[in-house]
Amino acid sequence: MLKGLGGLGDMAKMMKKAQEMQVKMADLQEEMNNMRVTGESGAGLVKATSTVKGELVGLEIDPSIFNPDEKEVVEDLILAAIKEAQAKASERHDAEMTALTESLGMPTDMKLPF
């Protein structure tokens, strides 16, 4: 008589999983605002630090590279350090998202909208 209601248990399970994912995503987003990665160039003469979400939060430049005749070199080193920090941030972000999807039993290649 109640044939077909067996699927409701699966639906409830799926809804619970979705709510769990929502909470974990919110927590992870907050954590990623606090995680830091550092990119460097010129054997450490220039260091750029960013959040895992890609926001540049720090730039450290060794004073020994401040030579007016080498302005373009300094600019290139700064850009290289920032690009490395952004690449590391992207890699870390992807790793954190993969870990989250794995922990929820979802396919690791599933791209979530964050």
PDB file of N, CA and C in Angstrom:
ATOM      1  N   MET A   1       0.804  -1.185   0.000  1.00  0.00           N
ATOM      2  CA  MET A   1       0.000   0.000   0.000  1.00  0.00           C
ATOM      3  C   MET A   1       0.860   1.267   0.000  1.00  0.00           C
ATOM      4  N   LEU A   2       1.971   1.271   0.714  1.00  0.00           N
ATOM      5  CA  LEU A   2       2.869   2.423   0.742  1.00  0.00           C
ATOM      6  C   LEU A   2       4.071   2.199  -0.166  1.00  0.00           C
ATOM      7  N   LYS A   3       3.812   1.473  -1.212  1.00  0.00           N
ATOM      8  CA  LYS A   3       4.883   1.173  -2.159  1.00  0.00           C
ATOM      9  C   LYS A   3       5.454   2.479  -2.722  1.00  0.00           C
ATOM     10  N   GLY A   4       6.744   2.558  -2.825  1.00  0.00           N
ATOM     11  CA  GLY A   4       7.379   3.759  -3.364  1.00  0.00           C
ATOM     12  C   GLY A   4       7.882   4.716  -2.292  1.00  0.00           C
ATOM     13  N   LEU A   5       7.485   4.522  -1.047  1.00  0.00           N
ATOM     14  CA  LEU A   5       7.961   5.405   0.022  1.00  0.00           C
ATOM     15  C   LEU A   5       9.386   5.078   0.443  1.00  0.00           C
ATOM     16  N   GLY A   6       9.880   3.937  -0.021  1.00  0.00           N
ATOM     17  CA  GLY A   6      11.259   3.577   0.300  1.00  0.00           C
ATOM     18  C   GLY A   6      12.238   4.616  -0.216  1.00  0.00           C
ATOM     19  N   GLY A   7      11.891   5.309  -1.276  1.00  0.00           N
ATOM     20  CA  GLY A   7      12.736   6.361  -1.838  1.00  0.00           C
ATOM     21  C   GLY A   7      12.816   7.590  -0.954  1.00  0.00           C
ATOM     22  N   LEU A   8      11.838   7.785  -0.062  1.00  0.00           N
ATOM     23  CA  LEU A   8      11.862   8.949   0.821  1.00  0.00           C
ATOM     24  C   LEU A   8      13.045   8.904   1.779  1.00  0.00           C
ATOM     25  N   GLY A   9      13.403   7.705   2.211  1.00  0.00           N
ATOM     26  CA  GLY A   9      14.571   7.565   3.079  1.00  0.00           C
ATOM     27  C   GLY A   9      15.832   8.008   2.362  1.00  0.00           C
ATOM     28  N   ASP A  10      15.938   7.646   1.088  1.00  0.00           N
ATOM     29  CA  ASP A  10      17.094   8.079   0.297  1.00  0.00           C
ATOM     30  C   ASP A  10      17.099   9.591   0.129  1.00  0.00           C
ATOM     31  N   MET A  11      15.922  10.173  -0.061  1.00  0.00           N
ATOM     32  CA  MET A  11      15.809  11.618  -0.232  1.00  0.00           C
ATOM     33  C   MET A  11      16.215  12.333   1.057  1.00  0.00           C
ATOM     34  N   ALA A  12      15.764  11.825   2.187  1.00  0.00           N
ATOM     35  CA  ALA A  12      16.123  12.421   3.476  1.00  0.00           C
ATOM     36  C   ALA A  12      17.625  12.323   3.702  1.00  0.00           C
ATOM     37  N   LYS A  13      18.181  11.191   3.322  1.00  0.00           N
ATOM     38  CA  LYS A  13      19.625  10.990   3.460  1.00  0.00           C
ATOM     39  C   LYS A  13      20.379  11.991   2.573  1.00  0.00           C
ATOM     40  N   MET A  14      19.880  12.196   1.368  1.00  0.00           N
ATOM     41  CA  MET A  14      20.511  13.125   0.445  1.00  0.00           C
ATOM     42  C   MET A  14      20.413  14.568   0.968  1.00  0.00           C
ATOM     43  N   MET A  15      19.275  14.925   1.530  1.00  0.00           N
ATOM     44  CA  MET A  15      19.091  16.275   2.087  1.00  0.00           C
ATOM     45  C   MET A  15      20.025  16.497   3.272  1.00  0.00           C
ATOM     46  N   LYS A  16      20.164  15.474   4.105  1.00  0.00           N
ATOM     47  CA  LYS A  16      21.066  15.588   5.250  1.00  0.00           C
ATOM     48  C   LYS A  16      22.501  15.780   4.760  1.00  0.00           C
ATOM     49  N   LYS A  17      22.875  15.034   3.725  1.00  0.00           N
ATOM     50  CA  LYS A  17      24.211  15.143   3.152  1.00  0.00           C
ATOM     51  C   LYS A  17      24.433  16.548   2.580  1.00  0.00           C
ATOM     52  N   ALA A  18      23.409  17.099   1.928  1.00  0.00           N
ATOM     53  CA  ALA A  18      23.508  18.443   1.352  1.00  0.00           C
ATOM     54  C   ALA A  18      23.689  19.488   2.452  1.00  0.00           C
ATOM     55  N   GLN A  19      22.956  19.342   3.554  1.00  0.00           N
ATOM     56  CA  GLN A  19      23.098  20.275   4.671  1.00  0.00           C
ATOM     57  C   GLN A  19      24.487  20.167   5.292  1.00  0.00           C
ATOM     58  N   GLU A  20      24.965  18.942   5.412  1.00  0.00           N
ATOM     59  CA  GLU A  20      26.305  18.706   5.955  1.00  0.00           C
ATOM     60  C   GLU A  20      27.350  19.375   5.060  1.00  0.00           C
ATOM     61  N   MET A  21      27.173  19.239   3.749  1.00  0.00           N
ATOM     62  CA  MET A  21      28.103  19.838   2.806  1.00  0.00           C
ATOM     63  C   MET A  21      28.076  21.361   2.919  1.00  0.00           C
ATOM     64  N   GLN A  22      26.890  21.930   3.100  1.00  0.00           N
ATOM     65  CA  GLN A  22      26.762  23.373   3.230  1.00  0.00           C
ATOM     66  C   GLN A  22      27.552  23.889   4.429  1.00  0.00           C
ATOM     67  N   VAL A  23      27.425  23.209   5.551  1.00  0.00           N
ATOM     68  CA  VAL A  23      28.137  23.604   6.764  1.00  0.00           C
ATOM     69  C   VAL A  23      29.643  23.484   6.554  1.00  0.00           C
ATOM     70  N   LYS A  24      30.077  22.353   5.982  1.00  0.00           N
ATOM     71  CA  LYS A  24      31.506  22.144   5.763  1.00  0.00           C
ATOM     72  C   LYS A  24      32.065  23.156   4.772  1.00  0.00           C
ATOM     73  N   MET A  25      31.286  23.514   3.748  1.00  0.00           N
ATOM     74  CA  MET A  25      31.736  24.500   2.769  1.00  0.00           C
ATOM     75  C   MET A  25      31.924  25.863   3.432  1.00  0.00           C
ATOM     76  N   ALA A  26      30.982  26.251   4.266  1.00  0.00           N
ATOM     77  CA  ALA A  26      31.083  27.531   4.959  1.00  0.00           C
ATOM     78  C   ALA A  26      32.316  27.554   5.857  1.00  0.00           C
ATOM     79  N   ASP A  27      32.549  26.454   6.573  1.00  0.00           N
ATOM     80  CA  ASP A  27      33.727  26.365   7.437  1.00  0.00           C
ATOM     81  C   ASP A  27      35.009  26.451   6.617  1.00  0.00           C
ATOM     82  N   LEU A  28      35.034  25.732   5.493  1.00  0.00           N
ATOM     83  CA  LEU A  28      36.227  25.731   4.647  1.00  0.00           C
ATOM     84  C   LEU A  28      36.481  27.109   4.048  1.00  0.00           C
ATOM     85  N   GLN A  29      35.439  27.796   3.629  1.00  0.00           N
ATOM     86  CA  GLN A  29      35.605  29.143   3.074  1.00  0.00           C
ATOM     87  C   GLN A  29      36.255  30.066   4.116  1.00  0.00           C
ATOM     88  N   GLU A  30      35.812  29.968   5.355  1.00  0.00           N
ATOM     89  CA  GLU A  30      36.388  30.777   6.428  1.00  0.00           C
ATOM     90  C   GLU A  30      37.850  30.395   6.670  1.00  0.00           C
ATOM     91  N   GLU A  31      38.128  29.100   6.690  1.00  0.00           N
ATOM     92  CA  GLU A  31      39.507  28.642   6.889  1.00  0.00           C
ATOM     93  C   GLU A  31      40.419  29.150   5.776  1.00  0.00           C
ATOM     94  N   MET A  32      39.920  29.117   4.534  1.00  0.00           N
ATOM     95  CA  MET A  32      40.749  29.538   3.401  1.00  0.00           C
ATOM     96  C   MET A  32      41.056  31.037   3.438  1.00  0.00           C
ATOM     97  N   ASN A  33      40.209  31.810   4.112  1.00  0.00           N
ATOM     98  CA  ASN A  33      40.518  33.233   4.292  1.00  0.00           C
ATOM     99  C   ASN A  33      41.708  33.418   5.221  1.00  0.00           C
ATOM    100  N   ASN A  34      41.945  32.430   6.091  1.00  0.00           N
ATOM    101  CA  ASN A  34      43.038  32.527   7.061  1.00  0.00           C
ATOM    102  C   ASN A  34      44.288  31.762   6.645  1.00  0.00           C
ATOM    103  N   MET A  35      44.179  30.842   5.686  1.00  0.00           N
ATOM    104  CA  MET A  35      45.350  30.095   5.211  1.00  0.00           C
ATOM    105  C   MET A  35      46.219  31.007   4.358  1.00  0.00           C
ATOM    106  N   ARG A  36      47.532  30.872   4.501  1.00  0.00           N
ATOM    107  CA  ARG A  36      48.461  31.710   3.753  1.00  0.00           C
ATOM    108  C   ARG A  36      49.433  30.846   2.952  1.00  0.00           C
ATOM    109  N   VAL A  37      49.799  31.340   1.775  1.00  0.00           N
ATOM    110  CA  VAL A  37      50.846  30.727   0.961  1.00  0.00           C
ATOM    111  C   VAL A  37      51.797  31.849   0.566  1.00  0.00           C
ATOM    112  N   THR A  38      53.060  31.498   0.339  1.00  0.00           N
ATOM    113  CA  THR A  38      54.057  32.495  -0.029  1.00  0.00           C
ATOM    114  C   THR A  38      54.759  32.066  -1.304  1.00  0.00           C
ATOM    115  N   GLY A  39      54.842  33.018  -2.230  1.00  0.00           N
ATOM    116  CA  GLY A  39      55.607  32.807  -3.457  1.00  0.00           C
ATOM    117  C   GLY A  39      56.843  33.678  -3.377  1.00  0.00           C
ATOM    118  N   GLU A  40      57.928  33.211  -3.984  1.00  0.00           N
ATOM    119  CA  GLU A  40      59.142  34.017  -3.942  1.00  0.00           C
ATOM    120  C   GLU A  40      59.859  33.974  -5.275  1.00  0.00           C
ATOM    121  N   SER A  41      60.705  34.967  -5.465  1.00  0.00           N
ATOM    122  CA  SER A  41      61.523  35.031  -6.676  1.00  0.00           C
ATOM    123  C   SER A  41      62.878  35.614  -6.314  1.00  0.00           C
ATOM    124  N   GLY A  42      63.796  35.497  -7.263  1.00  0.00           N
ATOM    125  CA  GLY A  42      65.139  36.031  -7.015  1.00  0.00           C
ATOM    126  C   GLY A  42      65.800  35.378  -5.822  1.00  0.00           C
ATOM    127  N   ALA A  43      65.648  34.069  -5.703  1.00  0.00           N
ATOM    128  CA  ALA A  43      66.234  33.302  -4.599  1.00  0.00           C
ATOM    129  C   ALA A  43      65.833  33.873  -3.236  1.00  0.00           C
ATOM    130  N   GLY A  44      64.565  34.282  -3.141  1.00  0.00           N
ATOM    131  CA  GLY A  44      64.053  34.776  -1.867  1.00  0.00           C
ATOM    132  C   GLY A  44      64.185  36.269  -1.658  1.00  0.00           C
ATOM    133  N   LEU A  45      64.675  37.009  -2.653  1.00  0.00           N
ATOM    134  CA  LEU A  45      64.813  38.459  -2.502  1.00  0.00           C
ATOM    135  C   LEU A  45      63.448  39.153  -2.466  1.00  0.00           C
ATOM    136  N   VAL A  46      62.474  38.566  -3.126  1.00  0.00           N
ATOM    137  CA  VAL A  46      61.114  39.106  -3.116  1.00  0.00           C
ATOM    138  C   VAL A  46      60.167  37.977  -2.721  1.00  0.00           C
ATOM    139  N   LYS A  47      59.309  38.264  -1.740  1.00  0.00           N
ATOM    140  CA  LYS A  47      58.326  37.279  -1.281  1.00  0.00           C
ATOM    141  C   LYS A  47      56.951  37.929  -1.258  1.00  0.00           C
ATOM    142  N   ALA A  48      55.987  37.213  -1.829  1.00  0.00           N
ATOM    143  CA  ALA A  48      54.599  37.673  -1.821  1.00  0.00           C
ATOM    144  C   ALA A  48      53.764  36.648  -1.069  1.00  0.00           C
ATOM    145  N   THR A  49      52.913  37.121  -0.179  1.00  0.00           N
ATOM    146  CA  THR A  49      52.054  36.246   0.603  1.00  0.00           C
ATOM    147  C   THR A  49      50.606  36.547   0.264  1.00  0.00           C
ATOM    148  N   SER A  50      49.838  35.473   0.067  1.00  0.00           N
ATOM    149  CA  SER A  50      48.415  35.651  -0.225  1.00  0.00           C
ATOM    150  C   SER A  50      47.602  34.632   0.555  1.00  0.00           C
ATOM    151  N   THR A  51      46.311  34.911   0.645  1.00  0.00           N
ATOM    152  CA  THR A  51      45.403  33.933   1.232  1.00  0.00           C
ATOM    153  C   THR A  51      45.201  32.837   0.187  1.00  0.00           C
ATOM    154  N   VAL A  52      44.681  31.716   0.614  1.00  0.00           N
ATOM    155  CA  VAL A  52      44.403  30.622  -0.314  1.00  0.00           C
ATOM    156  C   VAL A  52      43.315  31.046  -1.302  1.00  0.00           C
ATOM    157  N   LYS A  53      42.538  32.040  -0.942  1.00  0.00           N
ATOM    158  CA  LYS A  53      41.514  32.557  -1.857  1.00  0.00           C
ATOM    159  C   LYS A  53      42.115  33.512  -2.884  1.00  0.00           C
ATOM    160  N   GLY A  54      43.429  33.803  -2.780  1.00  0.00           N
ATOM    161  CA  GLY A  54      44.113  34.600  -3.790  1.00  0.00           C
ATOM    162  C   GLY A  54      44.286  36.071  -3.473  1.00  0.00           C
ATOM    163  N   GLU A  55      43.913  36.511  -2.278  1.00  0.00           N
ATOM    164  CA  GLU A  55      44.077  37.913  -1.913  1.00  0.00           C
ATOM    165  C   GLU A  55      45.514  38.165  -1.449  1.00  0.00           C
ATOM    166  N   LEU A  56      46.202  39.089  -2.101  1.00  0.00           N
ATOM    167  CA  LEU A  56      47.562  39.434  -1.721  1.00  0.00           C
ATOM    168  C   LEU A  56      47.525  40.157  -0.380  1.00  0.00           C
ATOM    169  N   VAL A  57      48.259  39.631   0.615  1.00  0.00           N
ATOM    170  CA  VAL A  57      48.230  40.214   1.957  1.00  0.00           C
ATOM    171  C   VAL A  57      49.599  40.680   2.443  1.00  0.00           C
ATOM    172  N   GLY A  58      50.649  40.379   1.694  1.00  0.00           N
ATOM    173  CA  GLY A  58      51.965  40.821   2.129  1.00  0.00           C
ATOM    174  C   GLY A  58      52.975  40.780   0.998  1.00  0.00           C
ATOM    175  N   LEU A  59      53.924  41.696   1.069  1.00  0.00           N
ATOM    176  CA  LEU A  59      55.003  41.759   0.090  1.00  0.00           C
ATOM    177  C   LEU A  59      56.272  42.144   0.830  1.00  0.00           C
ATOM    178  N   GLU A  60      57.283  41.311   0.714  1.00  0.00           N
ATOM    179  CA  GLU A  60      58.551  41.536   1.406  1.00  0.00           C
ATOM    180  C   GLU A  60      59.658  41.647   0.354  1.00  0.00           C
ATOM    181  N   ILE A  61      60.392  42.741   0.402  1.00  0.00           N
ATOM    182  CA  ILE A  61      61.447  42.979  -0.588  1.00  0.00           C
ATOM    183  C   ILE A  61      62.761  43.234   0.141  1.00  0.00           C
ATOM    184  N   ASP A  62      63.769  42.457  -0.210  1.00  0.00           N
ATOM    185  CA  ASP A  62      65.094  42.640   0.378  1.00  0.00           C
ATOM    186  C   ASP A  62      65.647  43.981  -0.119  1.00  0.00           C
ATOM    187  N   PRO A  63      66.109  44.833   0.786  1.00  0.00           N
ATOM    188  CA  PRO A  63      66.586  46.162   0.390  1.00  0.00           C
ATOM    189  C   PRO A  63      67.793  46.132  -0.557  1.00  0.00           C
ATOM    190  N   SER A  64      68.489  45.033  -0.627  1.00  0.00           N
ATOM    191  CA  SER A  64      69.677  44.979  -1.487  1.00  0.00           C
ATOM    192  C   SER A  64      69.342  45.099  -2.973  1.00  0.00           C
ATOM    193  N   ILE A  65      68.073  44.907  -3.345  1.00  0.00           N
ATOM    194  CA  ILE A  65      67.748  44.981  -4.773  1.00  0.00           C
ATOM    195  C   ILE A  65      67.326  46.378  -5.222  1.00  0.00           C
ATOM    196  N   PHE A  66      67.320  47.335  -4.322  1.00  0.00           N
ATOM    197  CA  PHE A  66      66.926  48.693  -4.699  1.00  0.00           C
ATOM    198  C   PHE A  66      68.076  49.456  -5.335  1.00  0.00           C
ATOM    199  N   ASN A  67      68.240  49.215  -6.588  1.00  0.00           N
ATOM    200  CA  ASN A  67      69.228  49.918  -7.399  1.00  0.00           C
ATOM    201  C   ASN A  67      68.444  50.576  -8.536  1.00  0.00           C
ATOM    202  N   PRO A  68      68.473  51.902  -8.618  1.00  0.00           N
ATOM    203  CA  PRO A  68      67.676  52.589  -9.637  1.00  0.00           C
ATOM    204  C   PRO A  68      67.942  52.090 -11.066  1.00  0.00           C
ATOM    205  N   ASP A  69      69.145  51.604 -11.329  1.00  0.00           N
ATOM    206  CA  ASP A  69      69.472  51.124 -12.674  1.00  0.00           C
ATOM    207  C   ASP A  69      68.799  49.782 -12.978  1.00  0.00           C
ATOM    208  N   GLU A  70      68.288  49.105 -11.966  1.00  0.00           N
ATOM    209  CA  GLU A  70      67.693  47.783 -12.151  1.00  0.00           C
ATOM    210  C   GLU A  70      66.201  47.778 -11.819  1.00  0.00           C
ATOM    211  N   LYS A  71      65.547  48.895 -12.079  1.00  0.00           N
ATOM    212  CA  LYS A  71      64.122  49.031 -11.784  1.00  0.00           C
ATOM    213  C   LYS A  71      63.298  47.930 -12.451  1.00  0.00           C
ATOM    214  N   GLU A  72      63.552  47.636 -13.707  1.00  0.00           N
ATOM    215  CA  GLU A  72      62.782  46.619 -14.430  1.00  0.00           C
ATOM    216  C   GLU A  72      62.998  45.225 -13.836  1.00  0.00           C
ATOM    217  N   VAL A  73      64.212  44.949 -13.383  1.00  0.00           N
ATOM    218  CA  VAL A  73      64.490  43.654 -12.763  1.00  0.00           C
ATOM    219  C   VAL A  73      63.676  43.510 -11.480  1.00  0.00           C
ATOM    220  N   VAL A  74      63.642  44.560 -10.681  1.00  0.00           N
ATOM    221  CA  VAL A  74      62.881  44.537  -9.428  1.00  0.00           C
ATOM    222  C   VAL A  74      61.397  44.332  -9.725  1.00  0.00           C
ATOM    223  N   GLU A  75      60.892  45.042 -10.714  1.00  0.00           N
ATOM    224  CA  GLU A  75      59.479  44.890 -11.080  1.00  0.00           C
ATOM    225  C   GLU A  75      59.176  43.454 -11.514  1.00  0.00           C
ATOM    226  N   ASP A  76      60.086  42.870 -12.309  1.00  0.00           N
ATOM    227  CA  ASP A  76      59.911  41.490 -12.756  1.00  0.00           C
ATOM    228  C   ASP A  76      59.928  40.517 -11.581  1.00  0.00           C
ATOM    229  N   LEU A  77      60.820  40.750 -10.619  1.00  0.00           N
ATOM    230  CA  LEU A  77      60.895  39.881  -9.441  1.00  0.00           C
ATOM    231  C   LEU A  77      59.610  39.970  -8.608  1.00  0.00           C
ATOM    232  N   ILE A  78      59.087  41.178  -8.482  1.00  0.00           N
ATOM    233  CA  ILE A  78      57.847  41.360  -7.724  1.00  0.00           C
ATOM    234  C   ILE A  78      56.701  40.624  -8.408  1.00  0.00           C
ATOM    235  N   LEU A  79      56.576  40.806  -9.711  1.00  0.00           N
ATOM    236  CA  LEU A  79      55.511  40.117 -10.445  1.00  0.00           C
ATOM    237  C   LEU A  79      55.657  38.598 -10.363  1.00  0.00           C
ATOM    238  N   ALA A  80      56.881  38.111 -10.471  1.00  0.00           N
ATOM    239  CA  ALA A  80      57.117  36.666 -10.408  1.00  0.00           C
ATOM    240  C   ALA A  80      56.718  36.116  -9.043  1.00  0.00           C
ATOM    241  N   ALA A  81      57.036  36.828  -7.979  1.00  0.00           N
ATOM    242  CA  ALA A  81      56.684  36.371  -6.631  1.00  0.00           C
ATOM    243  C   ALA A  81      55.165  36.361  -6.444  1.00  0.00           C
ATOM    244  N   ILE A  82      54.506  37.387  -6.945  1.00  0.00           N
ATOM    245  CA  ILE A  82      53.044  37.454  -6.827  1.00  0.00           C
ATOM    246  C   ILE A  82      52.398  36.323  -7.623  1.00  0.00           C
ATOM    247  N   LYS A  83      52.879  36.093  -8.832  1.00  0.00           N
ATOM    248  CA  LYS A  83      52.313  35.016  -9.650  1.00  0.00           C
ATOM    249  C   LYS A  83      52.510  33.658  -8.992  1.00  0.00           C
ATOM    250  N   GLU A  84      53.666  33.441  -8.374  1.00  0.00           N
ATOM    251  CA  GLU A  84      53.901  32.169  -7.687  1.00  0.00           C
ATOM    252  C   GLU A  84      52.963  32.019  -6.499  1.00  0.00           C
ATOM    253  N   ALA A  85      52.764  33.090  -5.750  1.00  0.00           N
ATOM    254  CA  ALA A  85      51.849  33.037  -4.604  1.00  0.00           C
ATOM    255  C   ALA A  85      50.432  32.726  -5.082  1.00  0.00           C
ATOM    256  N   GLN A  86      50.020  33.336  -6.186  1.00  0.00           N
ATOM    257  CA  GLN A  86      48.674  33.078  -6.717  1.00  0.00           C
ATOM    258  C   GLN A  86      48.545  31.631  -7.190  1.00  0.00           C
ATOM    259  N   ALA A  87      49.582  31.110  -7.831  1.00  0.00           N
ATOM    260  CA  ALA A  87      49.542  29.719  -8.291  1.00  0.00           C
ATOM    261  C   ALA A  87      49.459  28.767  -7.107  1.00  0.00           C
ATOM    262  N   LYS A  88      50.239  29.034  -6.058  1.00  0.00           N
ATOM    263  CA  LYS A  88      50.185  28.195  -4.860  1.00  0.00           C
ATOM    264  C   LYS A  88      48.819  28.287  -4.192  1.00  0.00           C
ATOM    265  N   ALA A  89      48.245  29.486  -4.187  1.00  0.00           N
ATOM    266  CA  ALA A  89      46.917  29.664  -3.592  1.00  0.00           C
ATOM    267  C   ALA A  89      45.886  28.829  -4.343  1.00  0.00           C
ATOM    268  N   SER A  90      45.971  28.850  -5.656  1.00  0.00           N
ATOM    269  CA  SER A  90      45.042  28.079  -6.481  1.00  0.00           C
ATOM    270  C   SER A  90      45.201  26.581  -6.238  1.00  0.00           C
ATOM    271  N   GLU A  91      46.442  26.111  -6.174  1.00  0.00           N
ATOM    272  CA  GLU A  91      46.706  24.696  -5.915  1.00  0.00           C
ATOM    273  C   GLU A  91      46.174  24.280  -4.542  1.00  0.00           C
ATOM    274  N   ARG A  92      46.412  25.114  -3.541  1.00  0.00           N
ATOM    275  CA  ARG A  92      45.953  24.799  -2.178  1.00  0.00           C
ATOM    276  C   ARG A  92      44.430  24.799  -2.112  1.00  0.00           C
ATOM    277  N   HIS A  93      43.823  25.769  -2.792  1.00  0.00           N
ATOM    278  CA  HIS A  93      42.369  25.850  -2.845  1.00  0.00           C
ATOM    279  C   HIS A  93      41.799  24.566  -3.440  1.00  0.00           C
ATOM    280  N   ASP A  94      42.360  24.134  -4.571  1.00  0.00           N
ATOM    281  CA  ASP A  94      41.893  22.911  -5.223  1.00  0.00           C
ATOM    282  C   ASP A  94      42.078  21.693  -4.326  1.00  0.00           C
ATOM    283  N   ALA A  95      43.212  21.629  -3.624  1.00  0.00           N
ATOM    284  CA  ALA A  95      43.474  20.500  -2.723  1.00  0.00           C
ATOM    285  C   ALA A  95      42.466  20.480  -1.573  1.00  0.00           C
ATOM    286  N   GLU A  96      42.144  21.647  -1.027  1.00  0.00           N
ATOM    287  CA  GLU A  96      41.181  21.725   0.074  1.00  0.00           C
ATOM    288  C   GLU A  96      39.790  21.313  -0.406  1.00  0.00           C
ATOM    289  N   MET A  97      39.411  21.739  -1.588  1.00  0.00           N
ATOM    290  CA  MET A  97      38.103  21.391  -2.132  1.00  0.00           C
ATOM    291  C   MET A  97      38.029  19.888  -2.430  1.00  0.00           C
ATOM    292  N   THR A  98      39.112  19.310  -2.943  1.00  0.00           N
ATOM    293  CA  THR A  98      39.143  17.875  -3.207  1.00  0.00           C
ATOM    294  C   THR A  98      39.000  17.093  -1.903  1.00  0.00           C
ATOM    295  N   ALA A  99      39.705  17.530  -0.877  1.00  0.00           N
ATOM    296  CA  ALA A  99      39.610  16.865   0.423  1.00  0.00           C
ATOM    297  C   ALA A  99      38.181  16.935   0.958  1.00  0.00           C
ATOM    298  N   LEU A 100      37.526  18.073   0.763  1.00  0.00           N
ATOM    299  CA  LEU A 100      36.154  18.220   1.230  1.00  0.00           C
ATOM    300  C   LEU A 100      35.219  17.278   0.481  1.00  0.00           C
ATOM    301  N   THR A 101      35.336  17.237  -0.840  1.00  0.00           N
ATOM    302  CA  THR A 101      34.437  16.368  -1.607  1.00  0.00           C
ATOM    303  C   THR A 101      34.683  14.900  -1.268  1.00  0.00           C
ATOM    304  N   GLU A 102      35.950  14.530  -1.053  1.00  0.00           N
ATOM    305  CA  GLU A 102      36.254  13.152  -0.650  1.00  0.00           C
ATOM    306  C   GLU A 102      35.629  12.833   0.701  1.00  0.00           C
ATOM    307  N   SER A 103      35.724  13.768   1.642  1.00  0.00           N
ATOM    308  CA  SER A 103      35.192  13.523   2.982  1.00  0.00           C
ATOM    309  C   SER A 103      33.675  13.364   2.975  1.00  0.00           C
ATOM    310  N   LEU A 104      33.035  13.929   1.961  1.00  0.00           N
ATOM    311  CA  LEU A 104      31.580  13.819   1.851  1.00  0.00           C
ATOM    312  C   LEU A 104      31.159  12.651   0.975  1.00  0.00           C
ATOM    313  N   GLY A 105      32.143  11.880   0.489  1.00  0.00           N
ATOM    314  CA  GLY A 105      31.839  10.723  -0.339  1.00  0.00           C
ATOM    315  C   GLY A 105      31.426  11.093  -1.752  1.00  0.00           C
ATOM    316  N   MET A 106      31.818  12.279  -2.196  1.00  0.00           N
ATOM    317  CA  MET A 106      31.473  12.733  -3.544  1.00  0.00           C
ATOM    318  C   MET A 106      32.651  12.470  -4.473  1.00  0.00           C
ATOM    319  N   PRO A 107      32.405  12.463  -5.785  1.00  0.00           N
ATOM    320  CA  PRO A 107      33.511  12.263  -6.732  1.00  0.00           C
ATOM    321  C   PRO A 107      34.545  13.388  -6.592  1.00  0.00           C
ATOM    322  N   THR A 108      35.816  13.052  -6.578  1.00  0.00           N
ATOM    323  CA  THR A 108      36.860  14.063  -6.369  1.00  0.00           C
ATOM    324  C   THR A 108      36.994  15.018  -7.542  1.00  0.00           C
ATOM    325  N   ASP A 109      36.525  14.625  -8.713  1.00  0.00           N
ATOM    326  CA  ASP A 109      36.629  15.526  -9.852  1.00  0.00           C
ATOM    327  C   ASP A 109      35.407  16.448  -9.991  1.00  0.00           C
ATOM    328  N   MET A 110      34.519  16.395  -9.018  1.00  0.00           N
ATOM    329  CA  MET A 110      33.342  17.249  -9.036  1.00  0.00           C
ATOM    330  C   MET A 110      33.768  18.672  -8.720  1.00  0.00           C
ATOM    331  N   LYS A 111      33.427  19.597  -9.581  1.00  0.00           N
ATOM    332  CA  LYS A 111      33.794  21.001  -9.387  1.00  0.00           C
ATOM    333  C   LYS A 111      32.659  21.724  -8.671  1.00  0.00           C
ATOM    334  N   LEU A 112      32.933  22.171  -7.460  1.00  0.00           N
ATOM    335  CA  LEU A 112      31.948  22.902  -6.698  1.00  0.00           C
ATOM    336  C   LEU A 112      32.096  24.387  -7.024  1.00  0.00           C
ATOM    337  N   PRO A 113      31.058  25.168  -6.830  1.00  0.00           N
ATOM    338  CA  PRO A 113      31.081  26.568  -7.272  1.00  0.00           C
ATOM    339  C   PRO A 113      31.829  27.535  -6.367  1.00  0.00           C
ATOM    340  N   PHE A 114      32.896  27.147  -5.729  1.00  0.00           N
ATOM    341  CA  PHE A 114      33.631  28.056  -4.848  1.00  0.00           C
ATOM    342  C   PHE A 114      35.059  28.131  -5.255  1.00  0.00           C
TER     343      PHE A 114
END
